[in-house]
Amino acid sequence: MSAGTEKTATTELGKGGPRVGVQGLGCMGISEFYGDTDEAAARDTLEAALEAGVTLFDTADIYGSGANETFLAPFVAAHRDEITLATKFGIVRSEEDPGYRGIGNDPAYIRQAVEASLRRLGTDVIDLYYMHRRDPLVPLAESVGAMAELVRQGKVRQLGLSEVTGAELREAHAVHPIAALQSEWSLFSRDVERSAASAAAELGVTVVPYSPLGRGFLTGAFADASKDLGPGDFRVHQPRFTGENARTNAALLEPVHTVAAAHGASAAQVALAWVHQRAQVHGLSVVPIPGTRKRGRLLENVAAARLTLSAAELELLEPIAGQVAGDRYPDMSSTATARE
């Protein structure tokens, strides 16, 4: 399937929200987690994305400990009226301990976090502001109430949540409308379908799947993280990408390649097309945010939005997630899965 230059279609972001390209761009890997970055190539990829009709650009204050937001600032300044800018708060890092991850959901922390993100991004308003992870010890109504105040102050336009259950999404939406739910969703990861997808459909919430390419594993970019990736790549610590789990999971890709060959497409395009078609299956809007730092991969990914898989092909791909070996993270305690 040719990457082409045709622009991606659009969809509404949340009920009554702005229209965005049906595929966004996850910017995390530009600054951290996936090895070294060529910043010039990454900036070129941002421009290529906008040219191709990608308008939702996704970052977070944790990515590079703020460096990703700072990196995006010149692009934001140049294209502020053309893009929908999303960032997140809630995962807390420590300068003393690089491996530390805490969760900050209290109102005082939220007020501090938004000011820091606005400053780094060089803008006076964030289009979509997510709570990155939920702290069950902080009442959800308190957190969402503080986020709603940011909307009233004009610092934020829409609210989002990440890795929440269907019940939590409904609870939050009762405090203030939630525009988007960001959760991992791919041929390998379908936890969001347990309760969150149906709640999103009911409430008119757009689902924004992160890691729709299984962090690159679904594309065949690597077969065993411990052997194929550098020590600075965080995928070497994810259970499903190393050792026996990786060998088991690599064997699950055969039907993906079969479908790809039938369409003259790449495995990545098939994986993304599958995610896009969840919109029809669940009756909601879906805007996946695959990440890439390369123009060629960006155009390949965007073209996937124009690929339609047949019922027979969807049936062939259906069993994959249920056979995947290993959890999504070494520690699943802060995910929605742990609270289902």
C-alpha atoms as a PDB file:
ATOM      1  CA  MET A   1       0.000   0.000   0.000  1.00  0.00           C
ATOM      2  CA  SER A   2       1.552   3.291  -1.100  1.00  0.00           C
ATOM      3  CA  ALA A   3       2.133   5.906   1.579  1.00  0.00           C
ATOM      4  CA  GLY A   4       0.883   8.599  -0.783  1.00  0.00           C
ATOM      5  CA  THR A   5       0.375  12.276  -0.006  1.00  0.00           C
ATOM      6  CA  GLU A   6      -3.392  12.353   0.495  1.00  0.00           C
ATOM      7  CA  LYS A   7      -4.404  14.007   3.745  1.00  0.00           C
ATOM      8  CA  THR A   8      -5.988  11.983   6.520  1.00  0.00           C
ATOM      9  CA  ALA A   9      -9.718  12.294   7.204  1.00  0.00           C
ATOM     10  CA  THR A  10     -11.002  14.108  10.287  1.00  0.00           C
ATOM     11  CA  THR A  11     -13.197  13.274  13.253  1.00  0.00           C
ATOM     12  CA  GLU A  12     -14.662  15.140  16.210  1.00  0.00           C
ATOM     13  CA  LEU A  13     -12.578  15.166  19.400  1.00  0.00           C
ATOM     14  CA  GLY A  14     -15.117  14.562  22.138  1.00  0.00           C
ATOM     15  CA  LYS A  15     -18.754  15.585  21.946  1.00  0.00           C
ATOM     16  CA  GLY A  16     -18.906  19.036  20.336  1.00  0.00           C
ATOM     17  CA  GLY A  17     -15.115  19.350  20.248  1.00  0.00           C
ATOM     18  CA  PRO A  18     -12.812  20.418  17.411  1.00  0.00           C
ATOM     19  CA  ARG A  19     -12.237  18.253  14.364  1.00  0.00           C
ATOM     20  CA  VAL A  20      -8.838  16.581  14.254  1.00  0.00           C
ATOM     21  CA  GLY A  21      -7.120  14.232  11.847  1.00  0.00           C
ATOM     22  CA  VAL A  22      -8.212  10.643  12.483  1.00  0.00           C
ATOM     23  CA  GLN A  23      -4.597   9.857  13.264  1.00  0.00           C
ATOM     24  CA  GLY A  24      -2.459  11.877  15.648  1.00  0.00           C
ATOM     25  CA  LEU A  25       1.235  11.836  16.463  1.00  0.00           C
ATOM     26  CA  GLY A  26       2.691  10.621  19.739  1.00  0.00           C
ATOM     27  CA  CYS A  27       5.806  12.693  20.445  1.00  0.00           C
ATOM     28  CA  MET A  28       7.232  10.790  23.430  1.00  0.00           C
ATOM     29  CA  GLY A  29       9.983   8.992  21.533  1.00  0.00           C
ATOM     30  CA  ILE A  30      11.466  12.248  20.250  1.00  0.00           C
ATOM     31  CA  SER A  31      12.892  12.994  23.679  1.00  0.00           C
ATOM     32  CA  GLU A  32      13.280   9.726  25.564  1.00  0.00           C
ATOM     33  CA  PHE A  33      12.636   6.003  25.977  1.00  0.00           C
ATOM     34  CA  TYR A  34      13.418   4.798  22.429  1.00  0.00           C
ATOM     35  CA  GLY A  35      17.124   5.559  22.098  1.00  0.00           C
ATOM     36  CA  ASP A  36      18.941   8.497  20.497  1.00  0.00           C
ATOM     37  CA  THR A  37      17.083  11.085  18.436  1.00  0.00           C
ATOM     38  CA  ASP A  38      18.058  13.106  15.371  1.00  0.00           C
ATOM     39  CA  GLU A  39      16.366  16.378  16.295  1.00  0.00           C
ATOM     40  CA  ALA A  40      16.487  17.785  12.758  1.00  0.00           C
ATOM     41  CA  ALA A  41      14.749  14.672  11.419  1.00  0.00           C
ATOM     42  CA  ALA A  42      12.215  14.841  14.242  1.00  0.00           C
ATOM     43  CA  ARG A  43      11.375  18.473  13.412  1.00  0.00           C
ATOM     44  CA  ASP A  44      10.978  17.517   9.754  1.00  0.00           C
ATOM     45  CA  THR A  45       8.608  14.736  10.830  1.00  0.00           C
ATOM     46  CA  LEU A  46       6.455  17.207  12.767  1.00  0.00           C
ATOM     47  CA  GLU A  47       6.094  19.353   9.642  1.00  0.00           C
ATOM     48  CA  ALA A  48       5.391  16.293   7.490  1.00  0.00           C
ATOM     49  CA  ALA A  49       2.679  15.218   9.900  1.00  0.00           C
ATOM     50  CA  LEU A  50       0.872  18.536   9.655  1.00  0.00           C
ATOM     51  CA  GLU A  51       1.199  18.527   5.858  1.00  0.00           C
ATOM     52  CA  ALA A  52      -0.415  15.045   5.833  1.00  0.00           C
ATOM     53  CA  GLY A  53      -3.402  16.188   7.890  1.00  0.00           C
ATOM     54  CA  VAL A  54      -2.228  15.109  11.333  1.00  0.00           C
ATOM     55  CA  THR A  55      -3.395  17.809  13.737  1.00  0.00           C
ATOM     56  CA  LEU A  56      -3.414  16.160  17.190  1.00  0.00           C
ATOM     57  CA  PHE A  57       0.084  16.294  18.688  1.00  0.00           C
ATOM     58  CA  ASP A  58       0.516  14.454  21.983  1.00  0.00           C
ATOM     59  CA  THR A  59       3.135  15.023  24.653  1.00  0.00           C
ATOM     60  CA  ALA A  60       3.422  14.907  28.481  1.00  0.00           C
ATOM     61  CA  ASP A  61       5.423  16.608  31.190  1.00  0.00           C
ATOM     62  CA  ILE A  62       7.154  13.314  32.037  1.00  0.00           C
ATOM     63  CA  TYR A  63       8.652  12.854  28.565  1.00  0.00           C
ATOM     64  CA  GLY A  64      12.275  13.852  28.987  1.00  0.00           C
ATOM     65  CA  SER A  65      11.269  15.473  32.298  1.00  0.00           C
ATOM     66  CA  GLY A  66       9.762  18.390  30.369  1.00  0.00           C
ATOM     67  CA  ALA A  67      12.233  18.306  27.469  1.00  0.00           C
ATOM     68  CA  ASN A  68       9.606  17.042  25.027  1.00  0.00           C
ATOM     69  CA  GLU A  69       7.300  19.973  25.714  1.00  0.00           C
ATOM     70  CA  THR A  70      10.229  22.368  25.308  1.00  0.00           C
ATOM     71  CA  PHE A  71      11.209  20.690  22.032  1.00  0.00           C
ATOM     72  CA  LEU A  72       7.685  21.134  20.678  1.00  0.00           C
ATOM     73  CA  ALA A  73       7.463  24.825  21.602  1.00  0.00           C
ATOM     74  CA  PRO A  74       8.848  26.259  18.308  1.00  0.00           C
ATOM     75  CA  PHE A  75       6.534  24.016  16.272  1.00  0.00           C
ATOM     76  CA  VAL A  76       3.600  25.047  18.448  1.00  0.00           C
ATOM     77  CA  ALA A  77       4.453  28.729  18.000  1.00  0.00           C
ATOM     78  CA  ALA A  78       4.676  28.374  14.227  1.00  0.00           C
ATOM     79  CA  HIS A  79       1.401  26.448  13.857  1.00  0.00           C
ATOM     80  CA  ARG A  80      -0.672  27.275  16.932  1.00  0.00           C
ATOM     81  CA  ASP A  81      -3.953  27.789  15.085  1.00  0.00           C
ATOM     82  CA  GLU A  82      -3.518  24.675  12.931  1.00  0.00           C
ATOM     83  CA  ILE A  83      -2.917  22.062  15.601  1.00  0.00           C
ATOM     84  CA  THR A  84      -4.629  20.523  18.622  1.00  0.00           C
ATOM     85  CA  LEU A  85      -2.085  20.338  21.408  1.00  0.00           C
ATOM     86  CA  ALA A  86      -2.380  17.637  24.071  1.00  0.00           C
ATOM     87  CA  THR A  87      -0.212  17.179  27.134  1.00  0.00           C
ATOM     88  CA  LYS A  88      -0.505  15.351  30.446  1.00  0.00           C
ATOM     89  CA  PHE A  89       0.259  15.601  34.141  1.00  0.00           C
ATOM     90  CA  GLY A  90       0.258  13.005  36.884  1.00  0.00           C
ATOM     91  CA  ILE A  91       3.436  10.913  36.668  1.00  0.00           C
ATOM     92  CA  VAL A  92       6.051  12.290  39.049  1.00  0.00           C
ATOM     93  CA  ARG A  93       9.783  11.751  38.584  1.00  0.00           C
ATOM     94  CA  SER A  94      12.763  12.278  40.872  1.00  0.00           C
ATOM     95  CA  GLU A  95      16.089  13.902  40.017  1.00  0.00           C
ATOM     96  CA  GLU A  96      17.770  11.780  42.686  1.00  0.00           C
ATOM     97  CA  ASP A  97      16.317   8.479  41.448  1.00  0.00           C
ATOM     98  CA  PRO A  98      15.898   8.249  37.632  1.00  0.00           C
ATOM     99  CA  GLY A  99      13.835   5.089  38.001  1.00  0.00           C
ATOM    100  CA  TYR A 100      11.312   6.555  40.424  1.00  0.00           C
ATOM    101  CA  ARG A 101       7.702   7.001  39.283  1.00  0.00           C
ATOM    102  CA  GLY A 102       5.087   8.483  41.574  1.00  0.00           C
ATOM    103  CA  ILE A 103       1.595   9.807  40.883  1.00  0.00           C
ATOM    104  CA  GLY A 104       0.383  13.347  41.540  1.00  0.00           C
ATOM    105  CA  ASN A 105      -3.375  13.954  41.349  1.00  0.00           C
ATOM    106  CA  ASP A 106      -4.085  16.470  44.118  1.00  0.00           C
ATOM    107  CA  PRO A 107      -5.403  19.921  43.124  1.00  0.00           C
ATOM    108  CA  ALA A 108      -2.283  21.797  44.273  1.00  0.00           C
ATOM    109  CA  TYR A 109      -0.071  19.561  42.149  1.00  0.00           C
ATOM    110  CA  ILE A 110      -2.358  19.968  39.129  1.00  0.00           C
ATOM    111  CA  ARG A 111      -2.239  23.763  39.376  1.00  0.00           C
ATOM    112  CA  GLN A 112       1.555  23.650  39.568  1.00  0.00           C
ATOM    113  CA  ALA A 113       1.869  21.177  36.698  1.00  0.00           C
ATOM    114  CA  VAL A 114      -0.275  23.110  34.228  1.00  0.00           C
ATOM    115  CA  GLU A 115       1.702  26.318  34.758  1.00  0.00           C
ATOM    116  CA  ALA A 116       4.965  24.463  34.118  1.00  0.00           C
ATOM    117  CA  SER A 117       3.604  22.859  30.941  1.00  0.00           C
ATOM    118  CA  LEU A 118       2.236  26.157  29.618  1.00  0.00           C
ATOM    119  CA  ARG A 119       5.633  27.750  30.181  1.00  0.00           C
ATOM    120  CA  ARG A 120       7.582  24.969  28.460  1.00  0.00           C
ATOM    121  CA  LEU A 121       5.181  24.793  25.524  1.00  0.00           C
ATOM    122  CA  GLY A 122       5.245  28.552  25.087  1.00  0.00           C
ATOM    123  CA  THR A 123       1.482  28.872  24.875  1.00  0.00           C
ATOM    124  CA  ASP A 124      -1.286  30.369  26.985  1.00  0.00           C
ATOM    125  CA  VAL A 125      -3.731  27.495  26.531  1.00  0.00           C
ATOM    126  CA  ILE A 126      -3.547  23.689  26.255  1.00  0.00           C
ATOM    127  CA  ASP A 127      -6.171  22.232  23.944  1.00  0.00           C
ATOM    128  CA  LEU A 128      -6.445  18.840  25.670  1.00  0.00           C
ATOM    129  CA  TYR A 129      -5.117  18.266  29.184  1.00  0.00           C
ATOM    130  CA  TYR A 130      -4.924  14.680  30.452  1.00  0.00           C
ATOM    131  CA  MET A 131      -4.535  13.146  33.855  1.00  0.00           C
ATOM    132  CA  HIS A 132      -1.800  10.675  32.906  1.00  0.00           C
ATOM    133  CA  ARG A 133      -2.372   8.170  35.709  1.00  0.00           C
ATOM    134  CA  ARG A 134      -4.956   7.819  38.465  1.00  0.00           C
ATOM    135  CA  ASP A 135      -4.065   7.799  42.145  1.00  0.00           C
ATOM    136  CA  PRO A 136      -6.902   5.860  43.857  1.00  0.00           C
ATOM    137  CA  LEU A 137      -6.028   7.569  47.154  1.00  0.00           C
ATOM    138  CA  VAL A 138      -7.101  10.961  45.757  1.00  0.00           C
ATOM    139  CA  PRO A 139     -10.861  11.303  45.136  1.00  0.00           C
ATOM    140  CA  LEU A 140     -11.421  11.480  41.402  1.00  0.00           C
ATOM    141  CA  ALA A 141     -13.942  14.302  41.849  1.00  0.00           C
ATOM    142  CA  GLU A 142     -11.221  16.437  43.484  1.00  0.00           C
ATOM    143  CA  SER A 143      -8.797  15.913  40.612  1.00  0.00           C
ATOM    144  CA  VAL A 144     -11.334  16.467  37.857  1.00  0.00           C
ATOM    145  CA  GLY A 145     -12.752  19.432  39.745  1.00  0.00           C
ATOM    146  CA  ALA A 146      -9.309  21.051  39.747  1.00  0.00           C
ATOM    147  CA  MET A 147      -8.943  20.309  36.032  1.00  0.00           C
ATOM    148  CA  ALA A 148     -12.375  21.824  35.373  1.00  0.00           C
ATOM    149  CA  GLU A 149     -11.241  25.008  37.105  1.00  0.00           C
ATOM    150  CA  LEU A 150      -8.405  25.248  34.569  1.00  0.00           C
ATOM    151  CA  VAL A 151     -11.026  25.206  31.808  1.00  0.00           C
ATOM    152  CA  ARG A 152     -12.947  28.003  33.510  1.00  0.00           C
ATOM    153  CA  GLN A 153      -9.713  29.990  33.787  1.00  0.00           C
ATOM    154  CA  GLY A 154      -9.045  29.574  30.053  1.00  0.00           C
ATOM    155  CA  LYS A 155      -5.785  27.660  30.567  1.00  0.00           C
ATOM    156  CA  VAL A 156      -7.212  24.421  29.180  1.00  0.00           C
ATOM    157  CA  ARG A 157      -9.886  23.815  26.532  1.00  0.00           C
ATOM    158  CA  GLN A 158     -10.767  20.121  26.974  1.00  0.00           C
ATOM    159  CA  LEU A 159     -10.088  17.437  29.563  1.00  0.00           C
ATOM    160  CA  GLY A 160      -8.801  13.915  29.106  1.00  0.00           C
ATOM    161  CA  LEU A 161      -8.006  10.874  31.239  1.00  0.00           C
ATOM    162  CA  SER A 162      -5.520   8.068  30.645  1.00  0.00           C
ATOM    163  CA  GLU A 163      -5.680   4.459  31.838  1.00  0.00           C
ATOM    164  CA  VAL A 164      -9.031   4.667  33.640  1.00  0.00           C
ATOM    165  CA  THR A 165     -11.823   2.117  33.878  1.00  0.00           C
ATOM    166  CA  GLY A 166     -15.305   2.587  32.481  1.00  0.00           C
ATOM    167  CA  ALA A 167     -16.656   3.319  35.963  1.00  0.00           C
ATOM    168  CA  GLU A 168     -13.964   5.929  36.567  1.00  0.00           C
ATOM    169  CA  LEU A 169     -14.664   7.549  33.208  1.00  0.00           C
ATOM    170  CA  ARG A 170     -18.361   7.860  34.050  1.00  0.00           C
ATOM    171  CA  GLU A 171     -17.550   9.259  37.496  1.00  0.00           C
ATOM    172  CA  ALA A 172     -15.218  11.886  36.052  1.00  0.00           C
ATOM    173  CA  HIS A 173     -17.609  12.808  33.243  1.00  0.00           C
ATOM    174  CA  ALA A 174     -20.296  13.563  35.830  1.00  0.00           C
ATOM    175  CA  VAL A 175     -18.001  16.259  37.286  1.00  0.00           C
ATOM    176  CA  HIS A 176     -16.961  17.794  33.949  1.00  0.00           C
ATOM    177  CA  PRO A 177     -17.265  16.550  30.351  1.00  0.00           C
ATOM    178  CA  ILE A 178     -14.307  14.376  29.367  1.00  0.00           C
ATOM    179  CA  ALA A 179     -13.310  14.738  25.723  1.00  0.00           C
ATOM    180  CA  ALA A 180     -10.771  11.936  25.380  1.00  0.00           C
ATOM    181  CA  LEU A 181      -9.646   8.692  26.961  1.00  0.00           C
ATOM    182  CA  GLN A 182      -6.058   7.697  26.224  1.00  0.00           C
ATOM    183  CA  SER A 183      -5.313   4.019  26.759  1.00  0.00           C
ATOM    184  CA  GLU A 184      -3.099   1.387  25.188  1.00  0.00           C
ATOM    185  CA  TRP A 185      -5.048  -0.314  22.382  1.00  0.00           C
ATOM    186  CA  SER A 186      -3.602  -2.563  19.711  1.00  0.00           C
ATOM    187  CA  LEU A 187      -3.730  -6.065  18.288  1.00  0.00           C
ATOM    188  CA  PHE A 188      -1.654  -7.028  21.341  1.00  0.00           C
ATOM    189  CA  SER A 189      -3.435  -4.959  24.009  1.00  0.00           C
ATOM    190  CA  ARG A 190      -7.217  -4.896  24.312  1.00  0.00           C
ATOM    191  CA  ASP A 191      -7.716  -4.240  28.041  1.00  0.00           C
ATOM    192  CA  VAL A 192      -9.593  -1.031  27.180  1.00  0.00           C
ATOM    193  CA  GLU A 193     -12.410  -3.141  25.741  1.00  0.00           C
ATOM    194  CA  ARG A 194     -13.279  -4.567  29.174  1.00  0.00           C
ATOM    195  CA  SER A 195     -15.296  -1.529  30.255  1.00  0.00           C
ATOM    196  CA  ALA A 196     -13.758   1.754  29.111  1.00  0.00           C
ATOM    197  CA  ALA A 197     -14.611   1.535  25.401  1.00  0.00           C
ATOM    198  CA  SER A 198     -18.323   1.012  26.034  1.00  0.00           C
ATOM    199  CA  ALA A 199     -18.382   3.872  28.558  1.00  0.00           C
ATOM    200  CA  ALA A 200     -16.621   6.134  26.055  1.00  0.00           C
ATOM    201  CA  ALA A 201     -19.160   5.271  23.370  1.00  0.00           C
ATOM    202  CA  GLU A 202     -22.014   5.979  25.768  1.00  0.00           C
ATOM    203  CA  LEU A 203     -20.594   9.371  26.814  1.00  0.00           C
ATOM    204  CA  GLY A 204     -19.319  10.587  23.444  1.00  0.00           C
ATOM    205  CA  VAL A 205     -15.683  10.376  24.543  1.00  0.00           C
ATOM    206  CA  THR A 206     -13.020   9.927  21.867  1.00  0.00           C
ATOM    207  CA  VAL A 207     -10.574   7.089  22.508  1.00  0.00           C
ATOM    208  CA  VAL A 208      -6.945   7.943  21.758  1.00  0.00           C
ATOM    209  CA  PRO A 209      -5.024   4.647  21.550  1.00  0.00           C
ATOM    210  CA  TYR A 210      -1.371   4.904  22.526  1.00  0.00           C
ATOM    211  CA  SER A 211       1.182   2.306  21.415  1.00  0.00           C
ATOM    212  CA  PRO A 212      -1.132   1.114  18.596  1.00  0.00           C
ATOM    213  CA  LEU A 213       1.910  -0.557  17.020  1.00  0.00           C
ATOM    214  CA  GLY A 214       2.826  -2.462  20.165  1.00  0.00           C
ATOM    215  CA  ARG A 215       5.804  -0.155  20.732  1.00  0.00           C
ATOM    216  CA  GLY A 216       7.171  -1.254  17.354  1.00  0.00           C
ATOM    217  CA  PHE A 217       6.924  -4.992  17.969  1.00  0.00           C
ATOM    218  CA  LEU A 218       3.905  -5.353  15.666  1.00  0.00           C
ATOM    219  CA  THR A 219       5.880  -3.802  12.816  1.00  0.00           C
ATOM    220  CA  GLY A 220       8.722  -6.308  13.057  1.00  0.00           C
ATOM    221  CA  ALA A 221      11.148  -3.519  13.967  1.00  0.00           C
ATOM    222  CA  PHE A 222      12.661  -5.820  16.595  1.00  0.00           C
ATOM    223  CA  ALA A 223      12.167  -9.431  17.671  1.00  0.00           C
ATOM    224  CA  ASP A 224      13.762  -9.461  21.149  1.00  0.00           C
ATOM    225  CA  ALA A 225      14.357  -6.158  22.895  1.00  0.00           C
ATOM    226  CA  SER A 226      17.227  -7.482  24.992  1.00  0.00           C
ATOM    227  CA  LYS A 227      19.135  -8.494  21.844  1.00  0.00           C
ATOM    228  CA  ASP A 228      17.997  -5.950  19.256  1.00  0.00           C
ATOM    229  CA  LEU A 229      17.724  -2.708  21.244  1.00  0.00           C
ATOM    230  CA  GLY A 230      20.201  -0.662  23.266  1.00  0.00           C
ATOM    231  CA  PRO A 231      20.327  -0.591  27.081  1.00  0.00           C
ATOM    232  CA  GLY A 232      18.810   2.915  27.107  1.00  0.00           C
ATOM    233  CA  ASP A 233      15.634   1.701  25.412  1.00  0.00           C
ATOM    234  CA  PHE A 234      12.881   1.131  27.972  1.00  0.00           C
ATOM    235  CA  ARG A 235      11.381  -1.744  25.952  1.00  0.00           C
ATOM    236  CA  VAL A 236      14.146  -4.000  27.259  1.00  0.00           C
ATOM    237  CA  HIS A 237      12.303  -3.876  30.591  1.00  0.00           C
ATOM    238  CA  GLN A 238       8.833  -4.732  29.254  1.00  0.00           C
ATOM    239  CA  PRO A 239       7.911  -8.370  29.874  1.00  0.00           C
ATOM    240  CA  ARG A 240       6.359  -9.181  26.506  1.00  0.00           C
ATOM    241  CA  PHE A 241       9.360  -8.077  24.441  1.00  0.00           C
ATOM    242  CA  THR A 242      12.177 -10.273  25.761  1.00  0.00           C
ATOM    243  CA  GLY A 243      13.092 -13.934  26.113  1.00  0.00           C
ATOM    244  CA  GLU A 244      10.502 -16.658  25.757  1.00  0.00           C
ATOM    245  CA  ASN A 245       7.666 -14.114  25.795  1.00  0.00           C
ATOM    246  CA  ALA A 246       9.161 -12.354  22.775  1.00  0.00           C
ATOM    247  CA  ARG A 247       9.525 -15.639  20.878  1.00  0.00           C
ATOM    248  CA  THR A 248       5.922 -16.567  21.656  1.00  0.00           C
ATOM    249  CA  ASN A 249       4.640 -13.161  20.611  1.00  0.00           C
ATOM    250  CA  ALA A 250       6.668 -12.999  17.410  1.00  0.00           C
ATOM    251  CA  ALA A 251       4.922 -16.165  16.251  1.00  0.00           C
ATOM    252  CA  LEU A 252       1.561 -14.390  16.669  1.00  0.00           C
ATOM    253  CA  LEU A 253       2.452 -11.945  13.897  1.00  0.00           C
ATOM    254  CA  GLU A 254       1.994 -14.455  11.073  1.00  0.00           C
ATOM    255  CA  PRO A 255      -1.650 -13.481  10.326  1.00  0.00           C
ATOM    256  CA  VAL A 256      -0.657  -9.797  10.369  1.00  0.00           C
ATOM    257  CA  HIS A 257       1.877 -10.463   7.635  1.00  0.00           C
ATOM    258  CA  THR A 258      -0.655 -12.566   5.704  1.00  0.00           C
ATOM    259  CA  VAL A 259      -3.161  -9.710   5.680  1.00  0.00           C
ATOM    260  CA  ALA A 260      -0.457  -7.184   4.847  1.00  0.00           C
ATOM    261  CA  ALA A 261       0.662  -9.202   1.815  1.00  0.00           C
ATOM    262  CA  ALA A 262      -2.910  -9.368   0.520  1.00  0.00           C
ATOM    263  CA  HIS A 263      -3.121  -5.563   0.542  1.00  0.00           C
ATOM    264  CA  GLY A 264       0.425  -4.776  -0.538  1.00  0.00           C
ATOM    265  CA  ALA A 265       0.698  -3.049   2.824  1.00  0.00           C
ATOM    266  CA  SER A 266       3.127  -3.146   5.738  1.00  0.00           C
ATOM    267  CA  ALA A 267       2.487  -4.909   9.026  1.00  0.00           C
ATOM    268  CA  ALA A 268       2.340  -1.473  10.668  1.00  0.00           C
ATOM    269  CA  GLN A 269      -0.432  -0.370   8.316  1.00  0.00           C
ATOM    270  CA  VAL A 270      -2.483  -3.472   9.055  1.00  0.00           C
ATOM    271  CA  ALA A 271      -2.052  -2.979  12.811  1.00  0.00           C
ATOM    272  CA  LEU A 272      -3.136   0.653  12.541  1.00  0.00           C
ATOM    273  CA  ALA A 273      -6.043  -0.134  10.216  1.00  0.00           C
ATOM    274  CA  TRP A 274      -7.281  -2.624  12.816  1.00  0.00           C
ATOM    275  CA  VAL A 275      -7.218   0.089  15.496  1.00  0.00           C
ATOM    276  CA  HIS A 276      -9.004   2.560  13.223  1.00  0.00           C
ATOM    277  CA  GLN A 277     -11.774   0.024  12.601  1.00  0.00           C
ATOM    278  CA  ARG A 278     -12.449  -0.244  16.343  1.00  0.00           C
ATOM    279  CA  ALA A 279     -14.430   2.963  15.756  1.00  0.00           C
ATOM    280  CA  GLN A 280     -17.128   1.059  13.871  1.00  0.00           C
ATOM    281  CA  VAL A 281     -16.979  -1.981  16.138  1.00  0.00           C
ATOM    282  CA  HIS A 282     -17.548   0.045  19.313  1.00  0.00           C
ATOM    283  CA  GLY A 283     -19.514   2.989  17.934  1.00  0.00           C
ATOM    284  CA  LEU A 284     -17.088   5.723  18.942  1.00  0.00           C
ATOM    285  CA  SER A 285     -14.419   7.999  17.484  1.00  0.00           C
ATOM    286  CA  VAL A 286     -10.858   6.662  17.612  1.00  0.00           C
ATOM    287  CA  VAL A 287      -7.681   8.694  17.042  1.00  0.00           C
ATOM    288  CA  PRO A 288      -4.566   6.519  17.437  1.00  0.00           C
ATOM    289  CA  ILE A 289      -1.272   8.305  18.113  1.00  0.00           C
ATOM    290  CA  PRO A 290       1.571   6.157  16.777  1.00  0.00           C
ATOM    291  CA  GLY A 291       4.940   7.720  17.447  1.00  0.00           C
ATOM    292  CA  THR A 292       7.758   8.083  14.959  1.00  0.00           C
ATOM    293  CA  ARG A 293      10.751  10.319  14.389  1.00  0.00           C
ATOM    294  CA  LYS A 294      11.031   9.641  10.651  1.00  0.00           C
ATOM    295  CA  ARG A 295       9.108  11.258   7.781  1.00  0.00           C
ATOM    296  CA  GLY A 296       8.865   7.994   5.822  1.00  0.00           C
ATOM    297  CA  ARG A 297       7.325   6.087   8.725  1.00  0.00           C
ATOM    298  CA  LEU A 298       4.966   8.981   9.403  1.00  0.00           C
ATOM    299  CA  LEU A 299       3.606   8.900   5.856  1.00  0.00           C
ATOM    300  CA  GLU A 300       3.327   5.106   5.984  1.00  0.00           C
ATOM    301  CA  ASN A 301       1.335   5.335   9.216  1.00  0.00           C
ATOM    302  CA  VAL A 302      -1.006   8.051   7.932  1.00  0.00           C
ATOM    303  CA  ALA A 303      -1.808   5.979   4.849  1.00  0.00           C
ATOM    304  CA  ALA A 304      -3.086   3.192   7.121  1.00  0.00           C
ATOM    305  CA  ALA A 305      -6.195   5.264   7.858  1.00  0.00           C
ATOM    306  CA  ARG A 306      -7.285   4.588   4.262  1.00  0.00           C
ATOM    307  CA  LEU A 307      -6.882   0.802   4.531  1.00  0.00           C
ATOM    308  CA  THR A 308     -10.053  -1.193   5.193  1.00  0.00           C
ATOM    309  CA  LEU A 309      -9.809  -4.765   6.436  1.00  0.00           C
ATOM    310  CA  SER A 310     -12.486  -7.273   5.477  1.00  0.00           C
ATOM    311  CA  ALA A 311     -14.618  -9.173   7.961  1.00  0.00           C
ATOM    312  CA  ALA A 312     -12.610 -12.306   7.200  1.00  0.00           C
ATOM    313  CA  GLU A 313      -9.336 -10.478   7.819  1.00  0.00           C
ATOM    314  CA  LEU A 314     -10.602  -9.042  11.100  1.00  0.00           C
ATOM    315  CA  GLU A 315     -11.624 -12.551  12.147  1.00  0.00           C
ATOM    316  CA  LEU A 316      -8.133 -13.802  11.322  1.00  0.00           C
ATOM    317  CA  LEU A 317      -6.602 -11.134  13.572  1.00  0.00           C
ATOM    318  CA  GLU A 318      -9.148 -11.488  16.375  1.00  0.00           C
ATOM    319  CA  PRO A 319      -7.415 -14.196  18.493  1.00  0.00           C
ATOM    320  CA  ILE A 320      -4.021 -12.486  18.705  1.00  0.00           C
ATOM    321  CA  ALA A 321      -4.467 -10.419  21.870  1.00  0.00           C
ATOM    322  CA  GLY A 322      -5.740 -13.380  23.862  1.00  0.00           C
ATOM    323  CA  GLN A 323      -2.541 -15.310  23.151  1.00  0.00           C
ATOM    324  CA  VAL A 324       0.007 -12.617  24.000  1.00  0.00           C
ATOM    325  CA  ALA A 325       2.585 -13.628  26.625  1.00  0.00           C
ATOM    326  CA  GLY A 326       3.620 -11.102  29.270  1.00  0.00           C
ATOM    327  CA  ASP A 327       2.111  -7.962  30.782  1.00  0.00           C
ATOM    328  CA  ARG A 328       2.189  -4.516  29.212  1.00  0.00           C
ATOM    329  CA  TYR A 329       4.443  -3.174  31.993  1.00  0.00           C
ATOM    330  CA  PRO A 330       6.696  -4.775  34.625  1.00  0.00           C
ATOM    331  CA  ASP A 331       4.434  -3.144  37.222  1.00  0.00           C
ATOM    332  CA  MET A 332       0.758  -2.965  36.213  1.00  0.00           C
ATOM    333  CA  SER A 333      -0.423  -1.392  39.469  1.00  0.00           C
ATOM    334  CA  SER A 334      -1.019   2.081  38.017  1.00  0.00           C
ATOM    335  CA  THR A 335      -2.963   0.892  34.984  1.00  0.00           C
ATOM    336  CA  ALA A 336      -6.724   0.624  34.590  1.00  0.00           C
ATOM    337  CA  THR A 337      -6.287  -3.149  34.253  1.00  0.00           C
ATOM    338  CA  ALA A 338      -5.258  -3.390  37.915  1.00  0.00           C
ATOM    339  CA  ARG A 339      -8.492  -1.658  38.994  1.00  0.00           C
ATOM    340  CA  GLU A 340     -10.964  -3.558  36.806  1.00  0.00           C
END
